[in-house]
């Protein structure tokens, strides 16, 4: 369902498939465990095309709230314009802004550059 890598302080999690309503909690727990375990400087979540569904959007928004509590910058990348609009509309505006990209390479490069500059 997902894969991850850690490079120069940036944790990149790629969600390959939509978890469905029944898989949301498990996916969120897995992502939370990776964030807590790796303690990255930045997090990028990439939603592959099959993963760009409502359940995955819900997990991304919940992860954004978690990252806000840790003071962690989070980006998300998805090719789907409707999903990007849903993420913008649902993002927590009380903390660190959710950065939304159309391309994964741009999201990762930006997160890496910001982490290196910090």
C-alpha atoms as a PDB file:
ATOM      1  CA  UNK A   1       0.000   0.000   0.000  1.00  0.00           C
ATOM      2  CA  UNK A   2       2.911   2.374   0.694  1.00  0.00           C
ATOM      3  CA  UNK A   3       6.681   2.757   0.650  1.00  0.00           C
ATOM      4  CA  UNK A   4       9.061   5.223   2.256  1.00  0.00           C
ATOM      5  CA  UNK A   5      12.595   6.574   2.136  1.00  0.00           C
ATOM      6  CA  UNK A   6      14.625   8.992   4.234  1.00  0.00           C
ATOM      7  CA  UNK A   7      17.166  11.222   2.526  1.00  0.00           C
ATOM      8  CA  UNK A   8      18.899  14.283   3.991  1.00  0.00           C
ATOM      9  CA  UNK A   9      16.319  14.597   6.752  1.00  0.00           C
ATOM     10  CA  UNK A  10      13.311  14.392   4.416  1.00  0.00           C
ATOM     11  CA  UNK A  11      10.953  11.470   4.943  1.00  0.00           C
ATOM     12  CA  UNK A  12       9.185  10.641   1.676  1.00  0.00           C
ATOM     13  CA  UNK A  13       6.150   8.395   1.953  1.00  0.00           C
ATOM     14  CA  UNK A  14       4.532   7.195  -1.249  1.00  0.00           C
ATOM     15  CA  UNK A  15       0.993   5.898  -0.971  1.00  0.00           C
ATOM     16  CA  UNK A  16       0.439   3.525  -3.877  1.00  0.00           C
ATOM     17  CA  UNK A  17      -3.224   2.582  -3.360  1.00  0.00           C
ATOM     18  CA  UNK A  18      -6.240   4.173  -1.726  1.00  0.00           C
ATOM     19  CA  UNK A  19      -6.632   2.497   1.675  1.00  0.00           C
ATOM     20  CA  UNK A  20     -10.417   2.635   1.604  1.00  0.00           C
ATOM     21  CA  UNK A  21     -12.444   3.528   4.638  1.00  0.00           C
ATOM     22  CA  UNK A  22     -11.424   0.341   6.437  1.00  0.00           C
ATOM     23  CA  UNK A  23      -7.706   0.956   5.891  1.00  0.00           C
ATOM     24  CA  UNK A  24      -7.498   4.608   6.928  1.00  0.00           C
ATOM     25  CA  UNK A  25      -6.645   3.951  10.562  1.00  0.00           C
ATOM     26  CA  UNK A  26      -3.920   1.443   9.680  1.00  0.00           C
ATOM     27  CA  UNK A  27      -2.343   3.780   7.131  1.00  0.00           C
ATOM     28  CA  UNK A  28      -2.431   6.703   9.553  1.00  0.00           C
ATOM     29  CA  UNK A  29      -0.873   4.571  12.288  1.00  0.00           C
ATOM     30  CA  UNK A  30       1.877   3.415   9.928  1.00  0.00           C
ATOM     31  CA  UNK A  31       2.670   6.980   8.822  1.00  0.00           C
ATOM     32  CA  UNK A  32       2.573   8.237  12.421  1.00  0.00           C
ATOM     33  CA  UNK A  33       4.989   5.496  13.456  1.00  0.00           C
ATOM     34  CA  UNK A  34       7.391   6.433  10.664  1.00  0.00           C
ATOM     35  CA  UNK A  35       7.272  10.119  11.620  1.00  0.00           C
ATOM     36  CA  UNK A  36       7.829   9.360  15.295  1.00  0.00           C
ATOM     37  CA  UNK A  37      10.548   6.790  14.586  1.00  0.00           C
ATOM     38  CA  UNK A  38      12.562   8.749  12.019  1.00  0.00           C
ATOM     39  CA  UNK A  39      11.998  12.248  13.465  1.00  0.00           C
ATOM     40  CA  UNK A  40      12.511  13.872  10.037  1.00  0.00           C
ATOM     41  CA  UNK A  41      13.107  17.562   9.426  1.00  0.00           C
ATOM     42  CA  UNK A  42      10.384  17.492   6.768  1.00  0.00           C
ATOM     43  CA  UNK A  43       7.738  15.093   5.454  1.00  0.00           C
ATOM     44  CA  UNK A  44       6.571  14.615   1.873  1.00  0.00           C
ATOM     45  CA  UNK A  45       3.595  12.393   1.076  1.00  0.00           C
ATOM     46  CA  UNK A  46       3.218  11.371  -2.551  1.00  0.00           C
ATOM     47  CA  UNK A  47      -0.181  10.100  -3.623  1.00  0.00           C
ATOM     48  CA  UNK A  48       0.153   7.854  -6.653  1.00  0.00           C
ATOM     49  CA  UNK A  49      -2.758   8.035  -9.080  1.00  0.00           C
ATOM     50  CA  UNK A  50      -4.584   4.946  -7.669  1.00  0.00           C
ATOM     51  CA  UNK A  51      -4.230   6.391  -4.153  1.00  0.00           C
ATOM     52  CA  UNK A  52      -5.912   9.708  -4.898  1.00  0.00           C
ATOM     53  CA  UNK A  53      -9.217   8.888  -3.203  1.00  0.00           C
ATOM     54  CA  UNK A  54     -11.212  10.273  -0.306  1.00  0.00           C
ATOM     55  CA  UNK A  55      -9.738   7.886   2.262  1.00  0.00           C
ATOM     56  CA  UNK A  56      -6.163   8.828   1.337  1.00  0.00           C
ATOM     57  CA  UNK A  57      -7.054  12.536   1.436  1.00  0.00           C
ATOM     58  CA  UNK A  58      -8.451  12.026   4.928  1.00  0.00           C
ATOM     59  CA  UNK A  59      -5.214  10.346   6.046  1.00  0.00           C
ATOM     60  CA  UNK A  60      -3.102  13.157   4.571  1.00  0.00           C
ATOM     61  CA  UNK A  61      -5.144  15.811   6.374  1.00  0.00           C
ATOM     62  CA  UNK A  62      -4.899  13.929   9.680  1.00  0.00           C
ATOM     63  CA  UNK A  63      -1.156  13.521   9.159  1.00  0.00           C
ATOM     64  CA  UNK A  64      -0.893  17.273   8.559  1.00  0.00           C
ATOM     65  CA  UNK A  65      -2.495  17.928  11.945  1.00  0.00           C
ATOM     66  CA  UNK A  66      -0.040  15.479  13.544  1.00  0.00           C
ATOM     67  CA  UNK A  67       2.902  17.227  11.873  1.00  0.00           C
ATOM     68  CA  UNK A  68       1.597  20.569  13.116  1.00  0.00           C
ATOM     69  CA  UNK A  69       1.814  19.297  16.688  1.00  0.00           C
ATOM     70  CA  UNK A  70       5.458  18.330  16.050  1.00  0.00           C
ATOM     71  CA  UNK A  71       6.287  21.612  14.292  1.00  0.00           C
ATOM     72  CA  UNK A  72       7.096  19.610  11.164  1.00  0.00           C
ATOM     73  CA  UNK A  73       6.759  21.021   7.647  1.00  0.00           C
ATOM     74  CA  UNK A  74       4.695  18.711   5.458  1.00  0.00           C
ATOM     75  CA  UNK A  75       4.199  18.644   1.709  1.00  0.00           C
ATOM     76  CA  UNK A  76       1.963  16.497  -0.433  1.00  0.00           C
ATOM     77  CA  UNK A  77       2.217  15.751  -4.136  1.00  0.00           C
ATOM     78  CA  UNK A  78      -0.523  14.473  -6.395  1.00  0.00           C
ATOM     79  CA  UNK A  79      -1.218  14.795 -10.100  1.00  0.00           C
ATOM     80  CA  UNK A  80      -4.944  15.095  -9.428  1.00  0.00           C
ATOM     81  CA  UNK A  81      -6.167  18.698  -9.475  1.00  0.00           C
ATOM     82  CA  UNK A  82      -9.452  17.797  -7.711  1.00  0.00           C
ATOM     83  CA  UNK A  83      -7.487  16.117  -4.914  1.00  0.00           C
ATOM     84  CA  UNK A  84      -5.198  19.151  -4.599  1.00  0.00           C
ATOM     85  CA  UNK A  85      -8.300  21.348  -4.232  1.00  0.00           C
ATOM     86  CA  UNK A  86      -9.727  19.001  -1.566  1.00  0.00           C
ATOM     87  CA  UNK A  87      -6.445  19.126   0.331  1.00  0.00           C
ATOM     88  CA  UNK A  88      -6.332  22.926   0.180  1.00  0.00           C
ATOM     89  CA  UNK A  89      -9.919  23.204   1.380  1.00  0.00           C
ATOM     90  CA  UNK A  90      -9.442  20.736   4.239  1.00  0.00           C
ATOM     91  CA  UNK A  91      -5.980  21.725   5.456  1.00  0.00           C
ATOM     92  CA  UNK A  92      -5.561  22.943   9.018  1.00  0.00           C
ATOM     93  CA  UNK A  93      -4.967  26.691   8.790  1.00  0.00           C
ATOM     94  CA  UNK A  94      -4.111  27.148  12.455  1.00  0.00           C
ATOM     95  CA  UNK A  95      -0.563  25.852  12.250  1.00  0.00           C
ATOM     96  CA  UNK A  96       2.130  25.216   9.689  1.00  0.00           C
ATOM     97  CA  UNK A  97       0.760  25.514   6.168  1.00  0.00           C
ATOM     98  CA  UNK A  98       0.312  22.346   4.117  1.00  0.00           C
ATOM     99  CA  UNK A  99       2.411  22.696   0.962  1.00  0.00           C
ATOM    100  CA  UNK A 100       0.704  21.096  -2.044  1.00  0.00           C
ATOM    101  CA  UNK A 101       2.495  20.213  -5.292  1.00  0.00           C
ATOM    102  CA  UNK A 102       1.411  18.675  -8.576  1.00  0.00           C
ATOM    103  CA  UNK A 103       4.712  16.821  -9.016  1.00  0.00           C
ATOM    104  CA  UNK A 104       6.561  14.569  -6.597  1.00  0.00           C
ATOM    105  CA  UNK A 105      10.023  15.610  -7.772  1.00  0.00           C
ATOM    106  CA  UNK A 106       9.217  19.271  -7.103  1.00  0.00           C
ATOM    107  CA  UNK A 107       7.866  18.498  -3.620  1.00  0.00           C
ATOM    108  CA  UNK A 108      10.927  16.442  -2.695  1.00  0.00           C
ATOM    109  CA  UNK A 109      13.415  18.957  -4.134  1.00  0.00           C
ATOM    110  CA  UNK A 110      11.722  21.829  -2.305  1.00  0.00           C
ATOM    111  CA  UNK A 111      11.608  19.958   0.998  1.00  0.00           C
ATOM    112  CA  UNK A 112      15.260  18.943   0.646  1.00  0.00           C
ATOM    113  CA  UNK A 113      16.340  22.513  -0.132  1.00  0.00           C
ATOM    114  CA  UNK A 114      14.401  23.909   2.821  1.00  0.00           C
ATOM    115  CA  UNK A 115      15.820  21.287   5.152  1.00  0.00           C
ATOM    116  CA  UNK A 116      19.374  21.975   3.967  1.00  0.00           C
ATOM    117  CA  UNK A 117      18.878  25.720   4.452  1.00  0.00           C
ATOM    118  CA  UNK A 118      17.612  25.307   8.015  1.00  0.00           C
END
